[in-house]
Amino acid sequence: MNIRRIATEEAFVTDEIFQEWKKAAGSRFAEPGFRILSDTIYGGDTPAAQVIYSKLTDLGAQRIAQMDADGIDFSILSIAAPGVQVSDAVTATQLAMNANDVLAEAVSRNPSRLAGLATVAPQFPKGAAKELERAAGSLGMKGFLINSHTKNEYLDDHKFLEIFEAAQALDMPFYLHPREPSPSLVGPMMDYGLYFAGWGFGVETGTHVMRLIMSGLFDRFPQLRVAIGHLGEGIPYFLDRIDNRYLLQVKIGATPKLNRLPSEYFRDNFIVTTSGMTSVPSLKLCIEVLGADRIMFAADYPFESAHEAVEFLDTADISEDDRKKIYTTNAESFFKLS
C-alpha cells in the first residue's frame, strides 16, 4: 500500500517519571484508580510490567524496528498516562522539562521517523505556558499532551486559561489523553475493572471534553485545536442528543448559552484518532458524523497492538481517499508535519 502511515498517539516515558509513578502510587494520598493501575501495570515487578517499561523507555533502535515490523512510517510520541500529573507542582514541572529534552533529542536522531508532543505540568499553569513556548521554539515539538484530570481538577477551571492562551498564540495543537477517572468520578467504577481502559478511560475523557465545550473555552479561544482518541470517546454517537438537551437546558436556565451548538465546537475544534479502536462500524459512524477530514490514525503503542491497528485500517471498507486522509494528510495538516 503506497500510503504513508502516521501514528499519532504513541507513548513513551522517562525512567525518572516511571520511578515517580511508583513513589506516588505508594503514597497514602494516591488516587484509587491510579494506585490499582500502578500495581498492575506500572509496578515494575511483573514480567508484563517489565515489557511495558522497556518499550516505553526505548526511543531508539527497538522502537524504530517495531515500527518497521508493524508497517508504521512515522510516529508522533507523547508522554504515557498519567505523565507528570501525580506529582507536586515543582517536581512535575522539572520532570516535564526533562522529558521534553529527552524526547527532542530522540527526534533529532530520527527526524524522518519521529516527532514529539510536549509534556507540561498543569499544576503550575504559568510554568506550563512557558514550557509550551520552549517546546514550540527550540525543541520543535508539534503540540502538547495532557492526561485528562490533574489531582481531581479539570482544565475548564479558569486557573488553566493561560495554558490555552499560549497554545492558541503558538498554534500548538493539544492532545487530551485518557487516564483513570478522577477521585470524584471513579467510585462506581472501582468494581469489575470498570475504572480501566474498557470503560473508565472513555467516561473520564469524554466528560472532560464536554466540560471544556460547555465552559465556553472555544468561544474564548476559537482557534484552539484538540485531538482525542478512541474515535471520540463515544461523543460522535451522542452529538445530536447533546445538542437537543443543551437547547432544552438553555431554555430552562440550567446552563449558560454558548455562541454555537456543542456539536459545532466538536466538529470544528476537535479531531479524533483511531487509537485502541478496530471497529469498522465505529469508524464509518465517525466518517458519517464528522467527515473523514476529522479522523487520524493512531496505534497507541505499546498499550495496543500496532500490527492490528494497521491491519484494521488497511482492510477497512472505506474509500482509498478517506484511507489516505486518515493515515496521512490529516495528521500532516493538524500537526504541521513537513
Protein backbone atom coordinates (compact mmCIF):
# COMPACT_ATOMS: atom_id res chain seq x y z
CA MET A 1 0.00 0.00 0.00
CA ASN A 2 1.55 3.28 -1.16
CA ILE A 3 0.33 5.37 1.78
CA ARG A 4 2.45 6.99 4.48
CA ARG A 5 1.16 5.59 7.76
CA ILE A 6 1.43 8.22 10.51
CA ALA A 7 0.64 7.08 14.05
CA THR A 8 -0.39 9.99 16.25
CA GLU A 9 -0.73 8.65 19.83
CA GLU A 10 2.38 6.62 20.58
CA ALA A 11 3.57 6.57 24.18
CA PHE A 12 6.92 6.99 25.87
CA VAL A 13 8.15 7.70 29.38
CA THR A 14 11.43 8.57 31.03
CA ASP A 15 12.85 6.46 33.83
CA GLU A 16 12.58 9.50 36.12
CA ILE A 17 8.84 9.72 35.59
CA PHE A 18 8.39 5.97 35.87
CA GLN A 19 10.10 5.99 39.27
CA GLU A 20 7.95 8.94 40.32
CA TRP A 21 4.83 6.93 39.46
CA LYS A 22 5.93 4.14 41.77
CA LYS A 23 6.61 6.65 44.52
CA ALA A 24 3.27 8.41 44.05
CA ALA A 25 1.34 5.13 43.98
CA GLY A 26 2.77 4.20 47.36
CA SER A 27 1.61 7.42 48.98
CA ARG A 28 -1.42 7.39 51.26
CA PHE A 29 -2.74 10.25 49.11
CA ALA A 30 -2.63 8.19 45.89
CA GLU A 31 -5.79 8.34 43.81
CA PRO A 32 -7.64 5.00 43.96
CA GLY A 33 -7.67 4.23 40.25
CA PHE A 34 -4.04 5.22 39.83
CA ARG A 35 -2.95 3.07 42.76
CA ILE A 36 -4.50 -0.07 41.24
CA LEU A 37 -3.23 0.77 37.76
CA SER A 38 0.26 1.27 39.10
CA ASP A 39 0.17 -2.04 40.96
CA THR A 40 -0.95 -3.96 37.88
CA ILE A 41 0.87 -2.24 35.00
CA TYR A 42 3.48 0.21 36.26
CA GLY A 43 4.59 -1.69 39.35
CA GLY A 44 7.76 -2.81 37.59
CA ASP A 45 7.96 -6.23 39.27
CA THR A 46 5.90 -8.43 36.95
CA PRO A 47 7.09 -9.68 33.53
CA ALA A 48 4.26 -7.77 31.83
CA ALA A 49 5.24 -4.53 33.58
CA GLN A 50 8.87 -5.03 32.61
CA VAL A 51 7.91 -5.43 28.95
CA ILE A 52 5.82 -2.24 29.04
CA TYR A 53 8.64 -0.38 30.77
CA SER A 54 11.23 -1.44 28.20
CA LYS A 55 9.02 -0.40 25.30
CA LEU A 56 8.02 2.93 26.84
CA THR A 57 11.57 3.98 27.66
CA ASP A 58 13.13 2.96 24.35
CA LEU A 59 13.22 5.85 21.90
CA GLY A 60 15.81 4.42 19.54
CA ALA A 61 16.55 1.24 17.63
CA GLN A 62 14.00 -1.02 19.30
CA ARG A 63 11.15 1.39 18.64
CA ILE A 64 12.14 2.05 15.04
CA ALA A 65 12.47 -1.69 14.40
CA GLN A 66 8.99 -2.26 15.83
CA MET A 67 7.58 0.50 13.64
CA ASP A 68 9.15 -1.21 10.61
CA ALA A 69 7.69 -4.57 11.63
CA ASP A 70 4.22 -3.05 12.10
CA GLY A 71 4.31 -1.04 8.88
CA ILE A 72 4.27 2.38 10.52
CA ASP A 73 6.26 5.05 8.70
CA PHE A 74 6.12 7.88 11.22
CA SER A 75 5.22 8.13 14.92
CA ILE A 76 4.26 11.14 16.99
CA LEU A 77 5.41 10.38 20.52
CA SER A 78 3.84 11.68 23.72
CA ILE A 79 4.06 11.03 27.43
CA ALA A 80 2.20 8.00 28.76
CA ALA A 81 -0.59 8.48 31.30
CA PRO A 82 -0.60 9.82 33.95
CA GLY A 83 2.54 11.67 32.88
CA VAL A 84 3.69 14.19 35.46
CA GLN A 85 0.19 14.82 36.82
CA VAL A 86 0.50 12.77 40.01
CA SER A 87 3.44 14.82 41.34
CA ASP A 88 3.69 18.12 43.17
CA ALA A 89 3.99 21.24 41.03
CA VAL A 90 7.74 21.74 41.42
CA THR A 91 8.61 18.11 40.73
CA ALA A 92 6.14 17.86 37.84
CA THR A 93 7.47 20.99 36.15
CA GLN A 94 11.05 19.72 36.27
CA LEU A 95 10.06 16.22 35.13
CA ALA A 96 8.16 17.70 32.19
CA MET A 97 11.12 19.80 31.08
CA ASN A 98 13.47 16.84 31.33
CA ALA A 99 11.07 14.60 29.40
CA ASN A 100 10.83 17.20 26.65
CA ASP A 101 14.61 17.37 26.41
CA VAL A 102 14.81 13.57 26.15
CA LEU A 103 12.11 13.44 23.50
CA ALA A 104 13.58 16.28 21.45
CA GLU A 105 16.96 14.55 21.45
CA ALA A 106 15.37 11.27 20.30
CA VAL A 107 13.53 13.05 17.49
CA SER A 108 16.77 14.73 16.39
CA ARG A 109 18.30 11.26 15.91
CA ASN A 110 15.43 10.05 13.70
CA PRO A 111 13.66 13.13 12.30
CA SER A 112 12.30 11.21 9.30
CA ARG A 113 10.55 8.72 11.59
CA LEU A 114 9.63 10.57 14.80
CA ALA A 115 8.07 13.78 16.08
CA GLY A 116 7.05 14.78 19.58
CA LEU A 117 4.27 16.31 21.65
CA ALA A 118 5.43 18.25 24.68
CA THR A 119 4.70 17.32 28.27
CA VAL A 120 3.52 20.13 30.55
CA ALA A 121 2.62 20.30 34.25
CA PRO A 122 -0.89 21.75 34.70
CA GLN A 123 -0.15 22.00 38.45
CA PHE A 124 1.82 25.18 37.58
CA PRO A 125 -0.11 26.82 34.71
CA LYS A 126 2.29 29.73 34.25
CA GLY A 127 5.20 27.31 34.03
CA ALA A 128 3.24 25.11 31.61
CA ALA A 129 2.60 28.08 29.33
CA LYS A 130 6.28 28.99 29.45
CA GLU A 131 7.28 25.40 28.64
CA LEU A 132 4.94 25.49 25.63
CA GLU A 133 6.92 28.43 24.30
CA ARG A 134 10.17 26.49 24.67
CA ALA A 135 8.61 23.37 23.16
CA ALA A 136 7.28 25.22 20.13
CA GLY A 137 10.55 27.08 19.67
CA SER A 138 13.92 25.49 20.32
CA LEU A 139 12.58 21.95 20.86
CA GLY A 140 10.47 21.81 17.70
CA MET A 141 7.53 19.99 19.28
CA LYS A 142 4.38 19.60 17.19
CA GLY A 143 1.89 20.10 20.01
CA PHE A 144 1.38 19.09 23.62
CA LEU A 145 -0.46 16.42 25.59
CA ILE A 146 -2.21 16.43 28.96
CA ASN A 147 -3.57 13.26 30.55
CA SER A 148 -7.08 14.44 31.49
CA HIS A 149 -7.61 15.46 35.13
CA THR A 150 -4.82 16.65 37.41
CA LYS A 151 -5.35 15.90 41.09
CA ASN A 152 -9.13 15.89 40.58
CA GLU A 153 -9.12 19.20 38.69
CA TYR A 154 -10.31 19.71 35.12
CA LEU A 155 -8.95 22.07 32.51
CA ASP A 156 -12.12 24.17 32.27
CA ASP A 157 -11.11 25.80 35.56
CA HIS A 158 -10.07 29.42 34.97
CA LYS A 159 -6.69 28.79 36.57
CA PHE A 160 -5.69 26.86 33.41
CA LEU A 161 -6.66 29.55 30.89
CA GLU A 162 -3.09 30.76 30.38
CA ILE A 163 -2.14 27.30 29.06
CA PHE A 164 -4.76 27.60 26.35
CA GLU A 165 -3.91 31.23 25.72
CA ALA A 166 -0.33 30.17 24.99
CA ALA A 167 -1.48 27.20 22.89
CA GLN A 168 -3.63 29.39 20.65
CA ALA A 169 -0.97 32.08 20.35
CA LEU A 170 1.67 29.47 19.42
CA ASP A 171 -0.77 27.48 17.23
CA MET A 172 0.13 24.38 19.25
CA PRO A 173 -2.47 21.61 18.98
CA PHE A 174 -3.49 19.90 22.20
CA TYR A 175 -3.99 16.16 22.68
CA LEU A 176 -6.33 15.39 25.58
CA HIS A 177 -5.35 11.86 26.54
CA PRO A 178 -7.23 9.46 28.86
CA ARG A 179 -6.24 8.24 32.27
CA GLU A 180 -8.09 6.51 35.08
CA PRO A 181 -11.11 8.52 36.29
CA SER A 182 -10.68 11.22 38.90
CA PRO A 183 -11.46 10.50 42.57
CA SER A 184 -14.74 12.41 42.20
CA LEU A 185 -15.81 10.20 39.28
CA VAL A 186 -14.26 6.79 39.85
CA GLY A 187 -16.37 5.47 42.75
CA PRO A 188 -18.86 3.21 40.93
CA MET A 189 -16.10 2.10 38.54
CA MET A 190 -13.84 0.58 41.16
CA ASP A 191 -15.67 -2.74 40.84
CA TYR A 192 -15.18 -5.16 37.94
CA GLY A 193 -12.24 -3.25 36.50
CA LEU A 194 -14.56 -0.57 35.11
CA TYR A 195 -12.06 2.15 36.03
CA PHE A 196 -9.71 0.82 33.36
CA ALA A 197 -9.46 1.35 29.58
CA GLY A 198 -12.53 -0.65 28.59
CA TRP A 199 -14.90 1.88 30.19
CA GLY A 200 -13.49 4.34 32.71
CA PHE A 201 -10.91 5.98 30.46
CA GLY A 202 -13.56 6.91 27.90
CA VAL A 203 -16.04 8.15 30.51
CA GLU A 204 -13.30 10.27 32.09
CA THR A 205 -12.06 11.84 28.88
CA GLY A 206 -15.47 12.26 27.28
CA THR A 207 -16.66 14.06 30.42
CA HIS A 208 -13.58 16.27 30.30
CA VAL A 209 -14.26 17.16 26.66
CA MET A 210 -17.84 18.13 27.48
CA ARG A 211 -16.66 20.30 30.37
CA LEU A 212 -14.31 22.15 28.00
CA ILE A 213 -17.05 22.70 25.43
CA MET A 214 -19.77 23.71 27.89
CA SER A 215 -17.46 26.08 29.78
CA GLY A 216 -17.22 28.35 26.73
CA LEU A 217 -13.50 27.66 26.27
CA PHE A 218 -13.84 27.68 22.48
CA ASP A 219 -15.71 30.98 22.48
CA ARG A 220 -12.68 32.42 24.24
CA PHE A 221 -10.13 30.52 22.12
CA PRO A 222 -11.82 29.78 18.79
CA GLN A 223 -8.59 28.70 17.06
CA LEU A 224 -7.69 26.09 19.69
CA ARG A 225 -7.22 22.64 18.12
CA VAL A 226 -7.77 19.50 20.19
CA ALA A 227 -7.22 15.81 19.41
CA ILE A 228 -8.86 12.98 21.35
CA GLY A 229 -8.51 9.24 20.92
CA HIS A 230 -10.76 6.17 20.72
CA LEU A 231 -12.76 7.64 17.84
CA GLY A 232 -14.02 10.48 20.01
CA GLU A 233 -14.65 8.73 23.35
CA GLY A 234 -18.26 8.00 22.37
CA ILE A 235 -19.17 11.64 21.73
CA PRO A 236 -19.81 11.32 17.95
CA TYR A 237 -22.58 8.82 18.74
CA PHE A 238 -24.26 11.30 21.11
CA LEU A 239 -23.82 14.61 19.26
CA ASP A 240 -27.45 15.05 18.18
CA ARG A 241 -28.73 14.31 21.68
CA ILE A 242 -26.12 16.59 23.25
CA ASP A 243 -27.37 19.48 21.08
CA ASN A 244 -31.01 18.66 21.74
CA ARG A 245 -30.61 18.53 25.52
CA TYR A 246 -28.32 21.59 25.52
CA LEU A 247 -31.06 23.68 23.87
CA LEU A 248 -33.56 22.50 26.48
CA GLN A 249 -31.13 23.25 29.32
CA VAL A 250 -30.59 26.78 27.98
CA LYS A 251 -34.34 27.27 27.70
CA ILE A 252 -34.93 26.35 31.33
CA GLY A 253 -31.87 28.23 32.57
CA ALA A 254 -29.91 25.14 33.56
CA THR A 255 -26.78 26.05 31.58
CA PRO A 256 -25.31 29.26 30.09
CA LYS A 257 -25.86 29.92 26.40
CA LEU A 258 -22.84 29.41 24.15
CA ASN A 259 -22.22 31.22 20.89
CA ARG A 260 -22.70 27.95 18.99
CA LEU A 261 -24.10 24.47 19.44
CA PRO A 262 -21.88 21.96 21.26
CA SER A 263 -21.69 19.81 18.12
CA GLU A 264 -20.30 22.74 16.14
CA TYR A 265 -17.36 23.15 18.51
CA PHE A 266 -16.75 19.41 18.40
CA ARG A 267 -16.77 19.31 14.61
CA ASP A 268 -14.62 22.42 14.17
CA ASN A 269 -12.18 22.40 17.10
CA PHE A 270 -11.68 18.66 17.61
CA ILE A 271 -10.19 15.83 15.63
CA VAL A 272 -10.45 12.19 16.69
CA THR A 273 -7.98 9.34 16.34
CA THR A 274 -8.41 5.60 15.93
CA SER A 275 -6.28 4.74 18.97
CA GLY A 276 -7.42 1.48 20.52
CA MET A 277 -10.34 1.11 18.09
CA THR A 278 -10.53 -1.54 15.40
CA SER A 279 -14.29 -1.49 14.75
CA VAL A 280 -15.32 -0.75 11.17
CA PRO A 281 -18.90 0.29 12.15
CA SER A 282 -17.48 2.78 14.66
CA LEU A 283 -15.09 4.16 12.04
CA LYS A 284 -17.88 4.50 9.49
CA LEU A 285 -20.09 6.28 12.03
CA CYS A 286 -17.31 8.83 12.65
CA ILE A 287 -16.81 9.32 8.92
CA GLU A 288 -20.55 9.92 8.52
CA VAL A 289 -20.92 12.20 11.55
CA LEU A 290 -17.62 14.11 11.47
CA GLY A 291 -16.23 13.51 7.98
CA ALA A 292 -13.00 11.74 7.09
CA ASP A 293 -11.14 15.06 7.40
CA ARG A 294 -11.61 14.91 11.20
CA ILE A 295 -10.04 11.47 11.82
CA MET A 296 -6.39 10.47 12.23
CA PHE A 297 -4.74 7.09 12.64
CA ALA A 298 -3.19 6.11 15.98
CA ALA A 299 -1.90 2.76 17.21
CA ASP A 300 -1.42 3.54 20.94
CA TYR A 301 1.89 1.65 21.11
CA PRO A 302 2.87 -0.11 23.34
CA PHE A 303 -0.50 -0.48 25.07
CA GLU A 304 -2.27 -1.77 21.96
CA SER A 305 -1.13 -3.89 19.03
CA ALA A 306 0.14 -1.57 16.32
CA HIS A 307 0.07 -4.51 13.90
CA GLU A 308 -3.67 -4.99 14.49
CA ALA A 309 -4.28 -1.25 14.16
CA VAL A 310 -2.56 -1.18 10.77
CA GLU A 311 -4.32 -4.32 9.55
CA PHE A 312 -7.65 -2.80 10.60
CA LEU A 313 -7.23 0.43 8.66
CA ASP A 314 -5.56 -1.26 5.69
CA THR A 315 -8.58 -3.53 5.19
CA ALA A 316 -11.47 -1.33 6.40
CA ASP A 317 -14.24 -0.98 3.82
CA ILE A 318 -13.75 2.74 3.19
CA SER A 319 -12.64 4.72 0.15
CA GLU A 320 -8.95 4.96 -0.67
CA ASP A 321 -9.25 8.74 -0.49
CA ASP A 322 -10.59 8.51 3.07
CA ARG A 323 -7.93 5.95 3.99
CA LYS A 324 -5.17 8.33 2.84
CA LYS A 325 -6.70 11.21 4.80
CA ILE A 326 -6.88 9.15 7.99
CA TYR A 327 -3.42 7.65 7.60
CA THR A 328 -1.54 10.66 6.24
CA THR A 329 -2.86 14.02 5.16
CA ASN A 330 -4.97 14.88 8.22
CA ALA A 331 -2.01 14.34 10.56
CA GLU A 332 0.32 16.28 8.26
CA SER A 333 -2.08 19.21 8.37
CA PHE A 334 -3.08 19.04 12.05
CA PHE A 335 0.50 18.73 13.36
CA LYS A 336 2.11 20.72 10.53
CA LEU A 337 4.47 17.95 9.56
CA SER A 338 6.88 18.61 6.74
